[in-house]
Protein backbone atom coordinates (compact mmCIF):
# COMPACT_ATOMS: atom_id res chain seq x y z
CA UNK A 1 -11.74 40.68 7.49
CA UNK A 2 -12.09 37.40 5.64
CA UNK A 3 -9.25 38.60 3.38
CA UNK A 4 -6.77 38.88 6.28
CA UNK A 5 -3.83 36.68 5.23
CA UNK A 6 -2.98 33.91 7.66
CA UNK A 7 0.66 32.96 8.21
CA UNK A 8 2.30 30.18 10.16
CA UNK A 9 3.76 31.68 13.33
CA UNK A 10 5.08 28.35 14.65
CA UNK A 11 5.31 25.32 12.38
CA UNK A 12 4.93 22.58 14.95
CA UNK A 13 2.94 19.34 14.92
CA UNK A 14 1.25 19.80 18.29
CA UNK A 15 -1.27 17.11 19.08
CA UNK A 16 -3.86 19.49 20.51
CA UNK A 17 -2.57 23.06 20.84
CA UNK A 18 -4.80 25.16 23.08
CA UNK A 19 -5.08 28.08 25.48
CA UNK A 20 -2.91 30.77 23.80
CA UNK A 21 -1.98 33.59 26.18
CA UNK A 22 -0.08 36.74 25.21
CA UNK A 23 2.11 38.20 27.96
CA UNK A 24 2.77 41.85 27.13
CA UNK A 25 5.55 42.23 29.72
CA UNK A 26 7.74 39.64 28.01
CA UNK A 27 6.25 39.77 24.48
CA UNK A 28 5.76 36.02 24.54
CA UNK A 29 2.95 33.64 23.65
CA UNK A 30 2.23 30.86 26.12
CA UNK A 31 0.18 27.84 25.06
CA UNK A 32 -0.40 24.20 25.94
CA UNK A 33 -0.50 20.91 24.06
CA UNK A 34 -3.19 19.12 26.03
CA UNK A 35 -2.85 15.56 24.74
CA UNK A 36 0.89 16.05 24.21
CA UNK A 37 1.12 16.99 27.91
CA UNK A 38 3.40 19.99 27.47
CA UNK A 39 3.38 23.70 28.35
CA UNK A 40 5.00 25.98 25.74
CA UNK A 41 6.44 29.50 25.63
CA UNK A 42 6.91 30.95 22.14
CA UNK A 43 9.04 34.03 21.46
CA UNK A 44 7.93 35.48 18.11
CA UNK A 45 11.01 37.74 17.88
CA UNK A 46 13.44 34.81 17.89
CA UNK A 47 11.00 32.08 16.76
CA UNK A 48 12.19 30.07 19.75
CA UNK A 49 9.66 27.75 21.38
CA UNK A 50 10.50 26.34 24.81
CA UNK A 51 8.43 23.62 26.42
CA UNK A 52 8.03 21.61 29.62
CA UNK A 53 6.51 18.17 30.10
CA UNK A 54 3.64 17.94 32.60
CA UNK A 55 2.26 15.13 34.71
CA UNK A 56 -1.22 14.83 33.25
CA UNK A 57 -2.99 16.90 30.62
CA UNK A 58 -2.67 20.68 30.98
CA UNK A 59 -5.98 22.35 30.11
CA UNK A 60 -4.41 25.80 29.92
CA UNK A 61 -1.80 28.11 31.39
CA UNK A 62 -1.80 31.60 32.92
CA UNK A 63 0.92 33.65 34.64
CA UNK A 64 1.14 34.74 38.25
CA UNK A 65 2.13 38.24 39.37
CA UNK A 66 5.83 37.34 39.03
CA UNK A 67 5.37 35.96 35.53
CA UNK A 68 5.65 32.30 36.49
CA UNK A 69 3.38 29.80 34.69
CA UNK A 70 0.34 28.46 36.53
CA UNK A 71 -1.13 25.40 34.85
CA UNK A 72 -4.74 24.22 34.82
CA UNK A 73 -3.64 20.70 35.74
CA UNK A 74 -6.10 17.79 36.08
CA UNK A 75 -6.41 18.36 39.85
CA UNK A 76 -6.45 22.17 39.83
CA UNK A 77 -4.14 25.18 39.57
CA UNK A 78 -0.47 24.29 39.93
CA UNK A 79 2.69 26.37 39.60
CA UNK A 80 5.16 25.01 37.07
CA UNK A 81 8.80 25.01 38.16
CA UNK A 82 10.59 25.77 34.90
CA UNK A 83 13.90 24.43 36.19
CA UNK A 84 12.58 20.98 37.14
CA UNK A 85 9.23 20.67 35.35
CA UNK A 86 7.52 19.88 38.66
CA UNK A 87 3.95 21.02 39.32
CA UNK A 88 3.08 22.41 42.75
CA UNK A 89 -0.69 22.23 43.33
CA UNK A 90 -1.97 25.46 44.91
CA UNK A 91 -5.74 25.50 44.32
CA UNK A 92 -7.45 22.07 44.13
CA UNK A 93 -10.43 21.83 41.77
CA UNK A 94 -12.63 18.71 41.74
CA UNK A 95 -9.95 16.52 43.33
CA UNK A 96 -12.78 14.29 44.52
CA UNK A 97 -13.70 13.63 40.86
CA UNK A 98 -10.76 11.80 39.24
CA UNK A 99 -12.87 11.24 36.14
CA UNK A 100 -12.66 15.00 35.46
CA UNK A 101 -9.85 17.39 34.60
CA UNK A 102 -9.41 21.13 34.44
CA UNK A 103 -9.82 22.50 30.93
CA UNK A 104 -9.70 26.08 29.65
CA UNK A 105 -8.54 28.90 31.95
CA UNK A 106 -8.65 32.71 31.68
CA UNK A 107 -7.83 35.60 34.02
CA UNK A 108 -10.02 38.71 34.21
CA UNK A 109 -8.78 42.27 34.79
CA UNK A 110 -9.13 41.87 38.58
CA UNK A 111 -6.72 38.93 38.56
CA UNK A 112 -9.36 36.24 39.16
CA UNK A 113 -8.93 32.93 37.36
CA UNK A 114 -11.91 31.31 35.64
CA UNK A 115 -11.42 27.58 35.11
CA UNK A 116 -13.63 25.18 33.20
CA UNK A 117 -13.65 21.42 33.66
CA UNK A 118 -14.68 18.37 31.65
CA UNK A 119 -14.75 14.60 32.01
CA UNK A 120 -11.99 12.65 30.30
CA UNK A 121 -14.72 10.66 28.52
CA UNK A 122 -16.73 13.85 27.77
CA UNK A 123 -19.60 12.61 29.92
CA UNK A 124 -22.64 14.94 29.50
CA UNK A 125 -23.46 17.29 32.34
CA UNK A 126 -20.38 16.53 34.46
CA UNK A 127 -18.44 19.75 33.79
CA UNK A 128 -18.52 23.14 35.46
CA UNK A 129 -17.01 26.63 35.51
CA UNK A 130 -15.14 27.86 38.59
CA UNK A 131 -14.12 31.34 39.67
CA UNK A 132 -10.87 31.28 41.66
CA UNK A 133 -10.18 34.10 44.10
CA UNK A 134 -8.62 34.29 47.51
CA UNK A 135 -7.05 30.91 46.89
CA UNK A 136 -10.41 29.15 46.66
CA UNK A 137 -12.39 27.74 43.73
CA UNK A 138 -16.09 28.61 43.65
CA UNK A 139 -18.42 26.79 41.26
CA UNK A 140 -20.41 29.40 39.32
CA UNK A 141 -21.91 27.30 36.48
CA UNK A 142 -22.56 23.56 36.59
CA UNK A 143 -24.22 20.97 34.34
CA UNK A 144 -21.83 21.58 31.43
CA UNK A 145 -20.23 18.95 29.22
CA UNK A 146 -17.07 20.63 27.84
CA UNK A 147 -16.53 24.04 29.39
CA UNK A 148 -14.52 26.34 27.09
CA UNK A 149 -13.58 29.98 27.21
CA UNK A 150 -14.64 32.02 28.92
CA UNK A 151 -14.22 35.40 27.24
CA UNK A 152 -14.79 38.70 29.02
CA UNK A 153 -16.31 41.97 27.87
CA UNK A 154 -15.96 43.85 31.13
CA UNK A 155 -16.89 47.19 29.53
CA UNK A 156 -20.32 45.85 28.64
CA UNK A 157 -20.48 43.59 31.71
CA UNK A 158 -20.55 40.29 29.81
CA UNK A 159 -19.01 36.83 30.08
CA UNK A 160 -19.20 34.38 27.17
CA UNK A 161 -18.99 30.63 27.82
CA UNK A 162 -18.90 27.80 25.27
CA UNK A 163 -20.14 24.27 25.81
CA UNK A 164 -18.24 22.70 22.93
CA UNK A 165 -19.98 19.32 23.03
CA UNK A 166 -23.40 20.98 22.69
CA UNK A 167 -22.19 23.34 19.93
CA UNK A 168 -23.42 26.41 21.82
CA UNK A 169 -22.15 29.65 23.36
CA UNK A 170 -24.03 31.30 26.24
CA UNK A 171 -23.66 34.86 27.52
CA UNK A 172 -23.99 36.01 31.13
CA UNK A 173 -24.29 39.39 32.75
CA UNK A 174 -21.03 39.90 34.64
CA UNK A 175 -20.41 42.24 37.56
CA UNK A 176 -16.74 43.09 36.97
CA UNK A 177 -16.20 44.13 40.58
CA UNK A 178 -17.56 41.02 42.29
CA UNK A 179 -17.38 38.44 39.49
CA UNK A 180 -21.04 37.54 40.06
CA UNK A 181 -22.84 36.07 37.02
CA UNK A 182 -26.54 36.40 36.22
CA UNK A 183 -28.99 36.47 33.31
CA UNK A 184 -27.71 33.44 31.42
CA UNK A 185 -29.01 33.23 27.85
CA UNK A 186 -28.14 31.56 24.56
CA UNK A 187 -25.84 33.65 22.37
CA UNK A 188 -24.81 31.30 19.53
CA UNK A 189 -26.07 27.89 18.47
CA UNK A 190 -24.07 25.88 15.94
CA UNK A 191 -26.01 22.63 16.38
CA UNK A 192 -27.37 22.77 12.83
CA UNK A 193 -23.84 23.10 11.43
CA UNK A 194 -22.41 20.63 13.95
CA UNK A 195 -19.26 22.70 14.41
CA UNK A 196 -17.47 23.10 17.75
CA UNK A 197 -17.24 26.52 19.42
CA UNK A 198 -14.00 26.37 21.38
CA UNK A 199 -11.63 29.07 22.68
CA UNK A 200 -12.77 32.69 22.42
CA UNK A 201 -11.56 36.28 22.79
CA UNK A 202 -13.19 39.73 22.80
CA UNK A 203 -11.54 42.54 20.80
CA UNK A 204 -11.39 46.24 21.66
CA UNK A 205 -14.59 46.86 19.69
CA UNK A 206 -16.55 44.46 21.90
CA UNK A 207 -16.76 41.77 19.21
CA UNK A 208 -16.45 38.08 20.08
CA UNK A 209 -13.97 35.91 18.19
CA UNK A 210 -14.73 32.17 18.31
CA UNK A 211 -12.47 29.35 17.11
CA UNK A 212 -14.72 26.84 15.38
CA UNK A 213 -13.57 23.23 15.21
CA UNK A 214 -14.78 21.28 12.18
CA UNK A 215 -15.26 24.63 10.37
CA UNK A 216 -11.62 25.52 9.65
CA UNK A 217 -12.31 29.10 10.63
CA UNK A 218 -12.42 31.73 13.33
CA UNK A 219 -15.54 33.88 13.23
CA UNK A 220 -16.24 37.34 14.63
CA UNK A 221 -19.66 38.12 16.12
CA UNK A 222 -21.32 41.36 17.14
CA UNK A 223 -22.82 41.76 20.62
CA UNK A 224 -26.26 40.94 19.16
CA UNK A 225 -24.96 37.61 17.81
CA UNK A 226 -24.77 38.69 14.17
CA UNK A 227 -21.84 37.36 12.16
CA UNK A 228 -19.39 40.17 11.38
CA UNK A 229 -16.51 38.38 9.66
CA UNK A 230 -14.34 35.28 9.47
CA UNK A 231 -10.75 34.19 9.10
CA UNK A 232 -10.08 30.84 7.41
CA UNK A 233 -7.20 28.60 8.48
CA UNK A 234 -5.70 25.75 6.42
CA UNK A 235 -6.74 23.00 8.80
CA UNK A 236 -10.08 21.71 10.04
CA UNK A 237 -9.86 22.28 13.78
CA UNK A 238 -8.79 25.66 15.17
CA UNK A 239 -9.03 25.47 18.96
CA UNK A 240 -8.56 28.96 20.41
CA UNK A 241 -7.62 32.58 19.72
CA UNK A 242 -5.93 35.46 21.49
CA UNK A 243 -4.67 38.92 20.58
CA UNK A 244 -1.00 39.75 20.96
CA UNK A 245 1.93 41.58 19.47
CA UNK A 246 3.30 45.03 20.40
CA UNK A 247 -0.03 46.77 19.84
CA UNK A 248 -2.44 43.87 20.29
CA UNK A 249 -3.10 43.68 16.57
CA UNK A 250 -1.87 40.13 15.96
CA UNK A 251 -4.48 37.40 16.22
CA UNK A 252 -2.89 34.07 17.25
CA UNK A 253 -4.80 30.88 16.45
CA UNK A 254 -4.03 27.43 17.89
CA UNK A 255 -5.05 24.25 16.06
CA UNK A 256 -5.44 20.53 16.67
CA UNK A 257 -4.12 17.38 15.00
CA UNK A 258 -5.70 14.92 17.44
CA UNK A 259 -9.31 15.12 16.27
CA UNK A 260 -8.48 14.43 12.61
CA UNK A 261 -8.84 11.01 11.03
CA UNK A 262 -5.82 9.37 9.41
CA UNK A 263 -6.62 10.70 5.93
CA UNK A 264 -6.88 14.32 7.08
CA UNK A 265 -3.77 14.05 9.24
CA UNK A 266 -1.89 13.32 6.04
CA UNK A 267 -3.81 15.86 3.95
CA UNK A 268 -3.36 18.68 6.50
CA UNK A 269 0.36 18.94 7.28
CA UNK A 270 -0.18 22.22 9.17
CA UNK A 271 -2.64 20.73 11.66
CA UNK A 272 -1.28 21.47 15.14
CA UNK A 273 0.56 24.63 14.04
CA UNK A 274 0.15 28.11 15.53
CA UNK A 275 -1.14 30.68 13.05
CA UNK A 276 -1.14 34.47 13.07
CA UNK A 277 -3.00 37.15 11.15
CA UNK A 278 -3.76 40.86 11.34
CA UNK A 279 -7.54 41.28 11.00
CA UNK A 280 -7.49 45.08 11.36
CA UNK A 281 -8.65 45.22 14.98
CA UNK A 282 -6.84 44.86 18.29
CA UNK A 283 -7.39 43.15 21.62
CA UNK A 284 -5.95 43.38 25.10
CA UNK A 285 -3.12 41.20 26.40
CA UNK A 286 -3.83 38.62 29.06
CA UNK A 287 -3.98 39.73 32.68
CA UNK A 288 -1.90 38.09 35.39
CA UNK A 289 -3.25 36.00 38.23
CA UNK A 290 -3.55 37.53 41.70
CA UNK A 291 -3.83 36.00 45.18
CA UNK A 292 -2.27 32.61 44.49
CA UNK A 293 -1.72 30.76 47.78
CA UNK A 294 1.85 30.22 48.93
CA UNK A 295 3.17 26.65 48.68
CA UNK A 296 2.53 25.73 52.31
CA UNK A 297 -0.91 27.26 52.54
CA UNK A 298 -3.09 25.77 49.82
CA UNK A 299 -6.28 24.11 51.18
CA UNK A 300 -4.92 20.57 51.14
CA UNK A 301 -1.61 21.39 52.82
CA UNK A 302 -1.01 19.88 56.25
CA UNK A 303 -1.60 22.23 59.17
CA UNK A 304 1.53 22.99 61.10
CA UNK A 305 1.02 23.07 64.87
CA UNK A 306 3.19 24.88 67.38
CA UNK A 307 5.08 22.61 69.77
CA UNK A 308 3.50 22.45 73.23
CA UNK A 309 5.78 23.23 76.21
């Protein structure tokens, strides 16, 4: 697996590429540039990359049932109008905490969104993980610093969650039907190496793939936490991974330019690019979001009253 050749899928100097999402229905890879404040859609067949500017940093992007992009914007989940670039907030998350923003976002097989948060200044203990269903955000894990992932193994009833600032990954027991979490325990601890566990994905064999900032690699771990393999990338800070392609056999890897010092920005011309490899295993495409509130009915919308006679 360490011999899997890595190629440049998209040679772009993104500031902080993150949150790759493969949409099987359109054979496209969605991703965000957080510090560049853009949402991207990459078509591997044509090599065309389209993008939209956002107001504020987009922590990630998912698609609704109609295939429209829903952005983890600083104030919550917002639908992106691709014709105007406007964001329509539908599910507020931590709007009473302007020091925080939404970060990574994933959708499980039931169509629920899982959204992590973090403070702009990476303040310890101020982040959380939310489960969004029925148009409401429910806090399911608090006391985090930089919430990343999560990754789901619904067959084994597991959810993996990284706290990047603490260099750790925890695992929870997950009830796939209800989304209830329990039995939190430490799964991986990189504090001795001082590398950053970031975005993650589970393959069809139930193995966890973790993008490791500062390590220049993506590593594959067995369900018992044992290292099973690694894929090296030619830049220091990979940020996330997802499986895509016609049969789910392409592993897409996003990377960052922002966290490099000036010397390494010059020495690593491919920092910020999107990479792809075929590690010999497959993973499932991203699910689409269900139950997104209509524009006039999100929790902060004004209540319309009938006229009195």
